[in-house]
Amino acid sequence: MVIWFREHCPHVDGKAETEKFRDYWRAKPGKDGRKLDWPATWRNWMRTAEERSAPRLRGSPSLPPVDRGQQATDAKFDRAMERARAREAAAE
C-alpha cells in the first residue's frame, strides 16, 4: 500500500490522510461503516485526496498538474542557457 501510495499520490500527506480515513470510518455508524474491501476503500480515499491536493490549471481539469515554481525555474534556466550560447558564439 505504501508503494502504491507513493506512486499515485505524490501531493498528499499520507499519515494525515490515513488518520482522517481511520477516524471517518470508525465514526461511521451502521452498514455504511462496513466495507468488503478496506484497501480499495483507502485507495479511493487517497485518490480523492490527490485530486484535491494536486496543483491544477484553472479552467482546465483535463490537463496535467502544473508546478508554477518549476516553470519559472525552467524559464530562468532557458534564458541563462541562451545568454551562455550567445557569449560562446561571440567569442568564436
N, C-alpha and C. Protein backbone atom coordinates (compact mmCIF):
# COMPACT_ATOMS: atom_id res chain seq x y z
N MET A 1 0.82 -1.19 0.00
CA MET A 1 0.00 0.00 0.00
C MET A 1 0.87 1.25 0.00
N VAL A 2 1.97 1.20 0.73
CA VAL A 2 2.87 2.36 0.77
C VAL A 2 3.47 2.62 -0.61
N ILE A 3 3.88 1.57 -1.29
CA ILE A 3 4.45 1.72 -2.63
C ILE A 3 3.40 2.30 -3.58
N TRP A 4 2.18 1.77 -3.52
CA TRP A 4 1.10 2.30 -4.35
C TRP A 4 0.88 3.78 -4.05
N PHE A 5 0.83 4.12 -2.77
CA PHE A 5 0.58 5.49 -2.35
C PHE A 5 1.66 6.43 -2.89
N ARG A 6 2.91 6.07 -2.74
CA ARG A 6 4.00 6.94 -3.20
C ARG A 6 3.94 7.17 -4.70
N GLU A 7 3.52 6.17 -5.45
CA GLU A 7 3.44 6.29 -6.90
C GLU A 7 2.23 7.12 -7.35
N HIS A 8 1.11 6.97 -6.68
CA HIS A 8 -0.13 7.57 -7.16
C HIS A 8 -0.56 8.85 -6.45
N CYS A 9 0.03 9.16 -5.31
CA CYS A 9 -0.44 10.31 -4.52
C CYS A 9 0.72 11.19 -4.04
N PRO A 10 1.52 11.74 -4.95
CA PRO A 10 2.71 12.49 -4.53
C PRO A 10 2.42 13.79 -3.80
N HIS A 11 1.21 14.33 -3.91
CA HIS A 11 0.89 15.62 -3.29
C HIS A 11 0.14 15.48 -1.98
N VAL A 12 0.04 14.26 -1.44
CA VAL A 12 -0.77 14.00 -0.26
C VAL A 12 0.12 13.66 0.94
N ASP A 13 -0.23 14.18 2.10
CA ASP A 13 0.42 13.80 3.36
C ASP A 13 -0.22 12.47 3.78
N GLY A 14 0.48 11.38 3.52
CA GLY A 14 -0.07 10.05 3.74
C GLY A 14 -0.49 9.76 5.16
N LYS A 15 0.33 10.18 6.12
CA LYS A 15 -0.01 9.91 7.53
C LYS A 15 -1.27 10.66 7.94
N ALA A 16 -1.34 11.93 7.59
CA ALA A 16 -2.51 12.73 7.97
C ALA A 16 -3.78 12.21 7.29
N GLU A 17 -3.69 11.88 6.01
CA GLU A 17 -4.88 11.39 5.30
C GLU A 17 -5.32 10.03 5.82
N THR A 18 -4.37 9.17 6.18
CA THR A 18 -4.73 7.87 6.72
C THR A 18 -5.42 8.03 8.06
N GLU A 19 -4.96 8.97 8.87
CA GLU A 19 -5.63 9.25 10.15
C GLU A 19 -7.06 9.75 9.91
N LYS A 20 -7.24 10.64 8.94
CA LYS A 20 -8.59 11.12 8.61
C LYS A 20 -9.47 9.95 8.17
N PHE A 21 -8.90 9.08 7.32
CA PHE A 21 -9.61 7.91 6.83
C PHE A 21 -10.08 7.04 7.99
N ARG A 22 -9.15 6.72 8.90
CA ARG A 22 -9.50 5.88 10.06
C ARG A 22 -10.59 6.51 10.90
N ASP A 23 -10.40 7.80 11.23
CA ASP A 23 -11.39 8.47 12.08
C ASP A 23 -12.76 8.53 11.41
N TYR A 24 -12.78 8.82 10.13
CA TYR A 24 -14.04 8.91 9.41
C TYR A 24 -14.79 7.58 9.45
N TRP A 25 -14.10 6.49 9.12
CA TRP A 25 -14.79 5.21 9.03
C TRP A 25 -15.08 4.60 10.39
N ARG A 26 -14.28 4.89 11.41
CA ARG A 26 -14.60 4.41 12.76
C ARG A 26 -15.85 5.09 13.30
N ALA A 27 -16.05 6.33 12.90
CA ALA A 27 -17.21 7.08 13.38
C ALA A 27 -18.47 6.83 12.56
N LYS A 28 -18.35 6.16 11.42
CA LYS A 28 -19.48 5.92 10.52
C LYS A 28 -20.36 4.82 11.09
N PRO A 29 -21.61 5.11 11.40
CA PRO A 29 -22.47 4.09 12.02
C PRO A 29 -23.08 3.12 11.01
N GLY A 30 -23.46 1.96 11.49
CA GLY A 30 -24.25 1.02 10.72
C GLY A 30 -23.58 0.44 9.50
N LYS A 31 -24.42 0.08 8.52
CA LYS A 31 -23.93 -0.62 7.34
C LYS A 31 -23.00 0.24 6.50
N ASP A 32 -23.12 1.58 6.56
CA ASP A 32 -22.22 2.45 5.80
C ASP A 32 -20.78 2.34 6.27
N GLY A 33 -20.58 1.94 7.51
CA GLY A 33 -19.23 1.81 8.05
C GLY A 33 -18.60 0.45 7.83
N ARG A 34 -19.32 -0.44 7.14
CA ARG A 34 -18.77 -1.79 6.85
C ARG A 34 -18.40 -1.86 5.37
N LYS A 35 -17.22 -2.35 5.10
CA LYS A 35 -16.73 -2.44 3.72
C LYS A 35 -16.23 -3.86 3.45
N LEU A 36 -16.39 -4.30 2.22
CA LEU A 36 -15.88 -5.61 1.83
C LEU A 36 -14.39 -5.58 1.53
N ASP A 37 -13.91 -4.43 1.07
CA ASP A 37 -12.51 -4.31 0.65
C ASP A 37 -11.94 -3.00 1.19
N TRP A 38 -11.39 -3.07 2.39
CA TRP A 38 -10.86 -1.87 3.02
C TRP A 38 -9.68 -1.27 2.26
N PRO A 39 -8.75 -2.06 1.72
CA PRO A 39 -7.66 -1.45 0.94
C PRO A 39 -8.18 -0.66 -0.27
N ALA A 40 -9.20 -1.17 -0.96
CA ALA A 40 -9.77 -0.44 -2.10
C ALA A 40 -10.44 0.85 -1.63
N THR A 41 -11.11 0.79 -0.48
CA THR A 41 -11.74 1.98 0.08
C THR A 41 -10.68 3.03 0.40
N TRP A 42 -9.57 2.59 0.98
CA TRP A 42 -8.46 3.50 1.30
C TRP A 42 -7.86 4.11 0.02
N ARG A 43 -7.65 3.28 -1.01
CA ARG A 43 -7.09 3.80 -2.27
C ARG A 43 -8.01 4.87 -2.86
N ASN A 44 -9.30 4.62 -2.84
CA ASN A 44 -10.24 5.62 -3.35
C ASN A 44 -10.17 6.91 -2.54
N TRP A 45 -10.05 6.79 -1.23
CA TRP A 45 -9.92 7.96 -0.36
C TRP A 45 -8.67 8.75 -0.74
N MET A 46 -7.56 8.03 -0.94
CA MET A 46 -6.30 8.68 -1.27
C MET A 46 -6.34 9.31 -2.67
N ARG A 47 -7.00 8.67 -3.62
CA ARG A 47 -7.14 9.27 -4.95
C ARG A 47 -7.89 10.59 -4.86
N THR A 48 -8.94 10.61 -4.06
CA THR A 48 -9.70 11.85 -3.88
C THR A 48 -8.83 12.92 -3.23
N ALA A 49 -8.04 12.52 -2.24
CA ALA A 49 -7.13 13.48 -1.59
C ALA A 49 -6.12 14.02 -2.60
N GLU A 50 -5.61 13.16 -3.47
CA GLU A 50 -4.65 13.60 -4.50
C GLU A 50 -5.32 14.59 -5.45
N GLU A 51 -6.54 14.30 -5.85
CA GLU A 51 -7.25 15.22 -6.75
C GLU A 51 -7.44 16.60 -6.10
N ARG A 52 -7.69 16.61 -4.79
CA ARG A 52 -7.86 17.89 -4.08
C ARG A 52 -6.52 18.60 -3.89
N SER A 53 -5.43 17.86 -3.77
CA SER A 53 -4.13 18.44 -3.41
C SER A 53 -3.26 18.82 -4.60
N ALA A 54 -3.39 18.12 -5.70
CA ALA A 54 -2.51 18.35 -6.85
C ALA A 54 -2.76 19.73 -7.45
N PRO A 55 -1.69 20.46 -7.78
CA PRO A 55 -1.87 21.76 -8.43
C PRO A 55 -2.55 21.58 -9.79
N ARG A 56 -3.46 22.46 -10.13
CA ARG A 56 -4.20 22.37 -11.38
C ARG A 56 -4.22 23.72 -12.09
N LEU A 57 -4.35 23.67 -13.40
CA LEU A 57 -4.57 24.89 -14.17
C LEU A 57 -6.04 25.28 -14.01
N ARG A 58 -6.31 26.54 -13.83
CA ARG A 58 -7.70 27.00 -13.72
C ARG A 58 -8.43 26.74 -15.02
N GLY A 59 -9.62 26.21 -14.90
CA GLY A 59 -10.46 26.00 -16.05
C GLY A 59 -10.04 24.86 -16.96
N SER A 60 -9.01 24.10 -16.58
CA SER A 60 -8.54 23.00 -17.44
C SER A 60 -8.30 21.74 -16.62
N PRO A 61 -9.36 21.14 -16.06
CA PRO A 61 -9.15 19.96 -15.22
C PRO A 61 -8.58 18.77 -15.96
N SER A 62 -8.68 18.74 -17.30
CA SER A 62 -8.16 17.59 -18.03
C SER A 62 -6.66 17.67 -18.28
N LEU A 63 -6.08 18.84 -18.08
CA LEU A 63 -4.64 19.00 -18.30
C LEU A 63 -3.88 18.51 -17.08
N PRO A 64 -2.63 18.07 -17.25
CA PRO A 64 -1.85 17.59 -16.10
C PRO A 64 -1.54 18.73 -15.14
N PRO A 65 -1.22 18.39 -13.87
CA PRO A 65 -0.88 19.41 -12.89
C PRO A 65 0.32 20.24 -13.36
N VAL A 66 0.31 21.52 -12.98
CA VAL A 66 1.39 22.42 -13.36
C VAL A 66 2.03 22.97 -12.10
N ASP A 67 3.34 22.90 -12.05
CA ASP A 67 4.09 23.45 -10.94
C ASP A 67 4.63 24.80 -11.41
N ARG A 68 3.98 25.88 -11.00
CA ARG A 68 4.35 27.22 -11.45
C ARG A 68 5.78 27.58 -11.03
N GLY A 69 6.20 27.16 -9.85
CA GLY A 69 7.56 27.42 -9.41
C GLY A 69 8.58 26.75 -10.31
N GLN A 70 8.28 25.52 -10.70
CA GLN A 70 9.18 24.80 -11.60
C GLN A 70 9.21 25.46 -12.97
N GLN A 71 8.07 25.93 -13.44
CA GLN A 71 8.02 26.61 -14.73
C GLN A 71 8.90 27.86 -14.71
N ALA A 72 8.83 28.62 -13.62
CA ALA A 72 9.64 29.83 -13.51
C ALA A 72 11.13 29.48 -13.49
N THR A 73 11.49 28.43 -12.76
CA THR A 73 12.89 27.99 -12.70
C THR A 73 13.35 27.54 -14.08
N ASP A 74 12.52 26.78 -14.78
CA ASP A 74 12.87 26.32 -16.12
C ASP A 74 13.08 27.49 -17.07
N ALA A 75 12.22 28.50 -16.98
CA ALA A 75 12.34 29.67 -17.85
C ALA A 75 13.64 30.42 -17.56
N LYS A 76 14.01 30.58 -16.29
CA LYS A 76 15.27 31.24 -15.94
C LYS A 76 16.45 30.46 -16.49
N PHE A 77 16.38 29.14 -16.34
CA PHE A 77 17.46 28.29 -16.85
C PHE A 77 17.58 28.44 -18.37
N ASP A 78 16.46 28.42 -19.07
CA ASP A 78 16.49 28.56 -20.53
C ASP A 78 17.11 29.90 -20.95
N ARG A 79 16.74 30.98 -20.25
CA ARG A 79 17.31 32.30 -20.58
C ARG A 79 18.81 32.33 -20.31
N ALA A 80 19.24 31.71 -19.21
CA ALA A 80 20.67 31.67 -18.89
C ALA A 80 21.43 30.87 -19.95
N MET A 81 20.84 29.78 -20.41
CA MET A 81 21.49 28.99 -21.46
C MET A 81 21.59 29.78 -22.76
N GLU A 82 20.56 30.53 -23.09
CA GLU A 82 20.60 31.36 -24.30
C GLU A 82 21.72 32.40 -24.21
N ARG A 83 21.86 33.04 -23.04
CA ARG A 83 22.93 34.03 -22.86
C ARG A 83 24.30 33.38 -22.98
N ALA A 84 24.45 32.18 -22.40
CA ALA A 84 25.73 31.48 -22.47
C ALA A 84 26.07 31.10 -23.91
N ARG A 85 25.09 30.63 -24.64
CA ARG A 85 25.34 30.29 -26.05
C ARG A 85 25.71 31.53 -26.87
N ALA A 86 25.05 32.65 -26.57
CA ALA A 86 25.36 33.90 -27.28
C ALA A 86 26.79 34.34 -26.97
N ARG A 87 27.22 34.23 -25.72
CA ARG A 87 28.60 34.58 -25.35
C ARG A 87 29.61 33.69 -26.06
N GLU A 88 29.30 32.38 -26.11
CA GLU A 88 30.19 31.43 -26.78
C GLU A 88 30.29 31.78 -28.28
N ALA A 89 29.17 32.08 -28.88
CA ALA A 89 29.17 32.41 -30.31
C ALA A 89 29.95 33.69 -30.56
N ALA A 90 29.84 34.68 -29.67
CA ALA A 90 30.54 35.94 -29.84
C ALA A 90 32.05 35.75 -29.64
N ALA A 91 32.44 34.81 -28.79
CA ALA A 91 33.85 34.58 -28.51
C ALA A 91 34.55 33.83 -29.66
N GLU A 92 33.79 33.15 -30.49
CA GLU A 92 34.39 32.35 -31.57
C GLU A 92 34.83 33.19 -32.73
